[in-house]
Protein backbone atom coordinates (compact mmCIF):
# COMPACT_ATOMS: atom_id res chain seq x y z
CA UNK A 1 155.49 137.88 145.66
CA UNK A 2 155.87 141.45 144.44
CA UNK A 3 152.98 143.58 143.17
CA UNK A 4 153.42 142.52 139.54
CA UNK A 5 153.30 138.82 140.52
CA UNK A 6 150.15 139.50 142.57
CA UNK A 7 148.61 141.32 139.62
CA UNK A 8 149.32 138.38 137.30
CA UNK A 9 147.72 135.92 139.69
CA UNK A 10 144.59 138.07 140.13
CA UNK A 11 144.11 138.72 136.42
CA UNK A 12 144.51 135.01 135.65
CA UNK A 13 141.93 134.21 138.33
CA UNK A 14 139.28 136.69 137.21
CA UNK A 15 139.82 136.59 133.44
CA UNK A 16 139.66 132.80 133.19
CA UNK A 17 141.26 132.76 129.75
CA UNK A 18 138.91 135.38 128.34
CA UNK A 19 138.25 139.11 128.00
CA UNK A 20 135.83 140.08 130.77
CA UNK A 21 134.12 143.09 132.23
CA UNK A 22 134.44 142.91 136.00
CA UNK A 23 131.83 143.92 138.56
CA UNK A 24 133.52 147.33 138.77
CA UNK A 25 132.29 149.53 135.94
CA UNK A 26 135.07 150.43 133.52
CA UNK A 27 137.49 147.74 134.74
CA UNK A 28 138.16 144.83 132.37
CA UNK A 29 140.60 141.93 132.55
CA UNK A 30 141.97 139.80 129.74
CA UNK A 31 143.85 136.53 129.46
CA UNK A 32 144.88 134.87 126.19
CA UNK A 33 147.03 131.82 125.49
CA UNK A 34 147.83 132.92 121.94
CA UNK A 35 148.54 136.08 119.94
CA UNK A 36 145.46 137.71 118.42
CA UNK A 37 144.62 139.14 115.03
CA UNK A 38 144.88 142.93 114.72
CA UNK A 39 141.57 144.48 115.76
CA UNK A 40 140.55 147.89 114.48
CA UNK A 41 138.29 150.10 116.52
CA UNK A 42 137.90 153.39 118.31
CA UNK A 43 139.17 153.69 121.84
CA UNK A 44 138.21 156.25 124.49
CA UNK A 45 140.08 157.75 127.46
CA UNK A 46 141.51 154.57 128.98
CA UNK A 47 144.51 152.97 130.63
CA UNK A 48 145.69 149.57 129.40
CA UNK A 49 148.07 147.65 131.67
CA UNK A 50 150.13 144.56 130.74
CA UNK A 51 151.08 142.16 133.52
CA UNK A 52 152.45 139.38 131.28
CA UNK A 53 153.10 139.07 127.55
CA UNK A 54 153.21 141.90 125.02
CA UNK A 55 150.60 144.04 123.30
CA UNK A 56 150.81 146.45 120.38
CA UNK A 57 148.63 149.47 119.63
CA UNK A 58 148.90 151.35 116.34
CA UNK A 59 147.67 154.91 115.79
CA UNK A 60 148.11 155.93 112.17
CA UNK A 61 151.91 155.59 111.66
CA UNK A 62 152.77 155.48 115.38
CA UNK A 63 153.38 152.05 116.92
CA UNK A 64 153.31 151.45 120.69
CA UNK A 65 154.49 148.08 122.03
CA UNK A 66 154.30 147.48 125.77
CA UNK A 67 154.97 144.55 128.06
CA UNK A 68 155.08 143.42 131.70
CA UNK A 69 154.74 146.27 134.14
CA UNK A 70 153.99 148.85 131.46
CA UNK A 71 150.81 150.74 130.67
CA UNK A 72 149.39 152.75 127.79
CA UNK A 73 147.16 155.80 128.22
CA UNK A 74 144.82 156.91 125.42
CA UNK A 75 143.33 160.34 125.96
CA UNK A 76 140.67 160.66 123.23
CA UNK A 77 138.40 158.67 120.95
CA UNK A 78 141.13 157.40 118.65
CA UNK A 79 140.97 155.04 115.63
CA UNK A 80 143.54 152.45 116.61
CA UNK A 81 144.50 148.86 115.89
CA UNK A 82 145.36 146.68 118.86
CA UNK A 83 146.58 143.11 119.18
CA UNK A 84 148.46 140.74 121.45
CA UNK A 85 151.87 139.96 119.98
CA UNK A 86 153.27 137.53 122.55
CA UNK A 87 151.31 134.85 124.41
CA UNK A 88 151.37 131.06 124.82
CA UNK A 89 149.75 128.33 126.90
CA UNK A 90 152.82 128.23 129.10
CA UNK A 91 153.01 132.02 129.46
CA UNK A 92 149.59 133.52 128.62
CA UNK A 93 149.01 137.20 128.01
CA UNK A 94 147.55 138.90 131.10
CA UNK A 95 146.31 142.46 131.13
CA UNK A 96 143.61 144.87 132.23
CA UNK A 97 142.03 148.13 131.17
CA UNK A 98 140.45 150.92 133.19
CA UNK A 99 138.27 153.68 131.73
CA UNK A 100 139.54 157.13 132.73
CA UNK A 101 136.70 159.23 134.12
CA UNK A 102 137.10 162.92 133.15
CA UNK A 103 134.86 164.13 135.99
CA UNK A 104 136.92 162.33 138.65
CA UNK A 105 140.12 163.71 137.13
CA UNK A 106 138.60 167.20 137.22
CA UNK A 107 137.72 166.76 140.92
CA UNK A 108 141.30 165.74 141.71
CA UNK A 109 142.64 168.77 139.86
CA UNK A 110 140.38 171.08 141.83
CA UNK A 111 141.23 169.46 145.16
CA UNK A 112 144.93 168.75 144.85
CA UNK A 113 146.50 170.56 141.91
CA UNK A 114 145.23 174.17 141.97
CA UNK A 115 148.52 175.48 140.58
CA UNK A 116 148.80 173.01 137.68
CA UNK A 117 145.75 173.66 135.55
CA UNK A 118 147.65 174.79 132.47
CA UNK A 119 147.07 173.06 129.15
CA UNK A 120 150.55 171.54 129.07
CA UNK A 121 151.84 169.61 126.08
CA UNK A 122 148.94 168.10 124.15
CA UNK A 123 149.26 164.40 123.41
CA UNK A 124 146.90 161.62 122.43
CA UNK A 125 148.61 158.43 123.54
CA UNK A 126 151.69 157.33 125.47
CA UNK A 127 153.40 154.36 127.16
CA UNK A 128 155.15 154.35 130.55
CA UNK A 129 156.54 151.96 133.15
CA UNK A 130 154.14 151.50 136.06
CA UNK A 131 155.40 152.63 139.45
CA UNK A 132 155.31 150.26 142.41
CA UNK A 133 152.56 152.43 143.92
CA UNK A 134 150.40 152.19 140.79
CA UNK A 135 150.79 148.40 140.60
CA UNK A 136 149.92 148.09 144.29
CA UNK A 137 146.75 150.17 143.79
CA UNK A 138 145.60 147.90 140.95
CA UNK A 139 146.27 144.81 143.09
CA UNK A 140 144.10 146.22 145.86
CA UNK A 141 141.38 147.14 143.35
CA UNK A 142 141.25 143.61 141.91
CA UNK A 143 141.16 142.08 145.37
CA UNK A 144 137.91 143.95 145.99
CA UNK A 145 136.20 141.82 143.32
CA UNK A 146 135.81 139.10 145.97
CA UNK A 147 134.44 141.62 148.48
CA UNK A 148 131.13 142.94 147.14
CA UNK A 149 130.35 144.65 150.46
CA UNK A 150 133.57 146.68 150.26
CA UNK A 151 133.47 147.45 146.53
CA UNK A 152 130.95 150.36 146.55
CA UNK A 153 132.92 152.22 149.23
CA UNK A 154 136.55 151.29 148.62
CA UNK A 155 136.41 150.87 144.83
CA UNK A 156 135.94 154.59 144.02
CA UNK A 157 138.62 155.48 146.59
CA UNK A 158 141.20 153.21 144.96
CA UNK A 159 140.17 154.43 141.51
CA UNK A 160 140.87 158.00 142.65
CA UNK A 161 144.25 156.85 143.94
CA UNK A 162 145.05 155.30 140.56
CA UNK A 163 144.12 158.52 138.78
CA UNK A 164 146.26 160.48 141.24
CA UNK A 165 149.22 158.19 140.50
CA UNK A 166 148.68 158.84 136.79
CA UNK A 167 148.50 162.59 137.33
CA UNK A 168 151.85 162.34 139.13
CA UNK A 169 153.44 160.19 136.39
CA UNK A 170 155.20 160.92 133.11
CA UNK A 171 151.76 160.86 131.46
CA UNK A 172 150.45 163.43 133.94
CA UNK A 173 150.22 166.30 131.44
CA UNK A 174 148.03 164.20 129.14
CA UNK A 175 145.83 162.92 131.98
CA UNK A 176 145.37 166.45 133.33
CA UNK A 177 144.01 167.58 129.99
CA UNK A 178 141.37 164.83 130.05
CA UNK A 179 139.85 166.56 133.07
CA UNK A 180 140.13 170.16 131.88
CA UNK A 181 137.19 171.47 129.88
CA UNK A 182 139.32 174.19 128.28
CA UNK A 183 142.34 172.05 127.40
CA UNK A 184 143.47 171.44 123.83
CA UNK A 185 142.49 167.78 124.20
CA UNK A 186 138.96 168.72 125.24
CA UNK A 187 138.65 171.24 122.41
CA UNK A 188 139.79 168.74 119.80
CA UNK A 189 137.61 166.12 121.51
CA UNK A 190 134.49 168.16 120.70
CA UNK A 191 135.39 168.09 117.01
CA UNK A 192 136.20 164.38 117.17
CA UNK A 193 132.78 163.58 118.62
CA UNK A 194 131.19 165.49 115.71
CA UNK A 195 133.24 163.50 113.19
CA UNK A 196 132.31 160.22 114.86
CA UNK A 197 128.58 160.93 114.85
CA UNK A 198 128.64 162.35 111.31
CA UNK A 199 131.32 160.18 109.72
CA UNK A 200 129.14 159.51 106.64
CA UNK A 201 128.55 163.24 106.03
CA UNK A 202 130.61 165.74 104.05
CA UNK A 203 131.77 167.75 107.05
CA UNK A 204 133.14 171.26 106.70
CA UNK A 205 136.48 171.95 108.36
CA UNK A 206 135.24 175.42 109.30
CA UNK A 207 132.38 173.82 111.29
CA UNK A 208 134.77 171.52 113.14
CA UNK A 209 137.13 174.41 113.90
CA UNK A 210 134.24 176.43 115.27
CA UNK A 211 133.24 173.54 117.56
CA UNK A 212 136.80 173.42 118.85
CA UNK A 213 136.86 177.18 119.38
CA UNK A 214 139.84 177.65 117.05
CA UNK A 215 140.72 179.20 113.73
CA UNK A 216 140.90 176.76 110.82
CA UNK A 217 144.70 177.01 110.73
CA UNK A 218 145.07 176.49 114.48
CA UNK A 219 142.56 173.63 114.41
CA UNK A 220 144.48 171.79 111.68
CA UNK A 221 147.75 172.22 113.56
CA UNK A 222 146.47 171.03 116.93
CA UNK A 223 144.38 168.19 115.48
CA UNK A 224 147.40 166.75 113.69
CA UNK A 225 149.68 167.25 116.69
CA UNK A 226 147.28 165.38 118.98
CA UNK A 227 146.01 162.59 116.70
CA UNK A 228 148.94 162.31 114.22
CA UNK A 229 146.52 162.75 111.30
CA UNK A 230 144.42 165.42 109.62
CA UNK A 231 140.66 165.75 110.30
CA UNK A 232 139.87 164.24 106.88
CA UNK A 233 142.26 161.33 107.48
CA UNK A 234 140.57 160.77 110.85
CA UNK A 235 137.13 160.72 109.23
CA UNK A 236 138.36 158.26 106.58
CA UNK A 237 139.66 155.90 109.26
CA UNK A 238 136.37 156.08 111.16
CA UNK A 239 134.43 155.32 107.96
CA UNK A 240 136.59 152.33 107.06
CA UNK A 241 136.56 150.87 110.56
CA UNK A 242 132.77 151.19 110.68
CA UNK A 243 132.57 149.47 107.30
CA UNK A 244 134.78 146.63 108.55
CA UNK A 245 132.61 146.15 111.63
CA UNK A 246 129.49 145.96 109.45
CA UNK A 247 131.05 143.47 107.06
CA UNK A 248 132.19 141.22 109.92
CA UNK A 249 128.87 141.38 111.77
CA UNK A 250 126.78 140.34 108.78
CA UNK A 251 127.59 139.38 105.23
CA UNK A 252 126.32 141.97 102.79
CA UNK A 253 126.89 143.74 99.53
CA UNK A 254 130.27 145.49 99.69
CA UNK A 255 129.13 148.44 97.60
CA UNK A 256 126.09 148.99 99.85
CA UNK A 257 128.32 149.07 102.92
CA UNK A 258 130.57 151.60 101.20
CA UNK A 259 127.62 153.85 100.42
CA UNK A 260 126.33 153.50 103.99
CA UNK A 261 129.57 154.83 105.49
CA UNK A 262 129.81 157.78 103.09
CA UNK A 263 131.60 156.59 99.95
CA UNK A 264 130.06 157.53 96.61
CA UNK A 265 132.43 155.34 94.56
CA UNK A 266 132.65 151.57 95.19
CA UNK A 267 136.08 151.45 93.57
CA UNK A 268 137.40 154.20 95.84
CA UNK A 269 135.92 152.42 98.87
CA UNK A 270 137.59 149.11 97.95
CA UNK A 271 140.88 150.82 97.16
CA UNK A 272 141.06 152.72 100.46
CA UNK A 273 139.81 149.72 102.46
CA UNK A 274 142.56 147.53 101.00
CA UNK A 275 145.19 150.17 101.71
CA UNK A 276 144.22 150.30 105.40
CA UNK A 277 143.48 146.63 106.08
CA UNK A 278 145.67 144.87 103.51
CA UNK A 279 142.89 143.05 101.63
CA UNK A 280 139.70 143.90 99.67
CA UNK A 281 136.55 144.29 101.81
CA UNK A 282 134.89 140.97 100.98
CA UNK A 283 138.05 138.92 101.31
CA UNK A 284 139.06 140.63 104.56
CA UNK A 285 135.63 140.06 106.16
CA UNK A 286 135.56 136.40 105.09
CA UNK A 287 139.06 135.83 106.52
CA UNK A 288 138.13 137.35 109.86
CA UNK A 289 134.83 135.47 110.10
CA UNK A 290 136.57 132.16 109.29
CA UNK A 291 139.18 132.82 111.95
CA UNK A 292 136.45 133.36 114.58
CA UNK A 293 137.46 136.99 114.98
CA UNK A 294 137.85 137.61 118.68
CA UNK A 295 136.93 140.99 120.08
CA UNK A 296 139.43 142.29 122.64
CA UNK A 297 140.11 145.65 124.13
CA UNK A 298 141.89 148.04 121.75
CA UNK A 299 144.60 149.03 124.22
């Protein structure tokens, strides 16, 4: 078998038809015998790999579909919608995700790439074909799950190898910026964290620009280039996704949920919720609850 066949067999073994966190922190595996409903959430720096089937991730108006032997890299905390688009009992979806550790990336940059610390072209998300070397590294990482004595020593070594392969790939410029404290991604990331913690507040763009260390004009330009939306559009998406999570978790008064996430007008909340999710808040939550809404990884 080649590396992709090995990867399929290992994911099927460890996922067991579900979405599972493995014994290695940050590494998750997923298997599904059917397509899933679109799930809205906020991702973080992560790699999502497909071994079998197809997955789709949507960021604002940008759609990324990836299949066997392809991976997606997300570089920031991004409001995305993710779902499996092709899976069956005969050919189940098989995939994995690995959190990308900024500190490990920074160490690799210091040790191996002293001449390539420039900011490069800022980007938030991208899809690429996995190299044979990257697939092989993931196969060896999954095989460690049956070797608990080896995992603490060899696991971090293989994770570093995977990050090195990413730094050397077409997504290398994006991955480099995850590890650089002074990169455009890191600067915008500081503002994004402020929006996420204060999504219900009336935030001032000048405050966000100051956090990013930019002028207001430069901040607007770079924020849109990286996330494909304006800061206010980003905040709106965070508010609505938080509202959806609250409505799904427990039935409640729609207007109260709208107020809780920062809306002063129930009608505006319902209107914007329907525009993003395709149905009014109450109806959307009831539909998802009735369908036994399954939580999967966003990428």
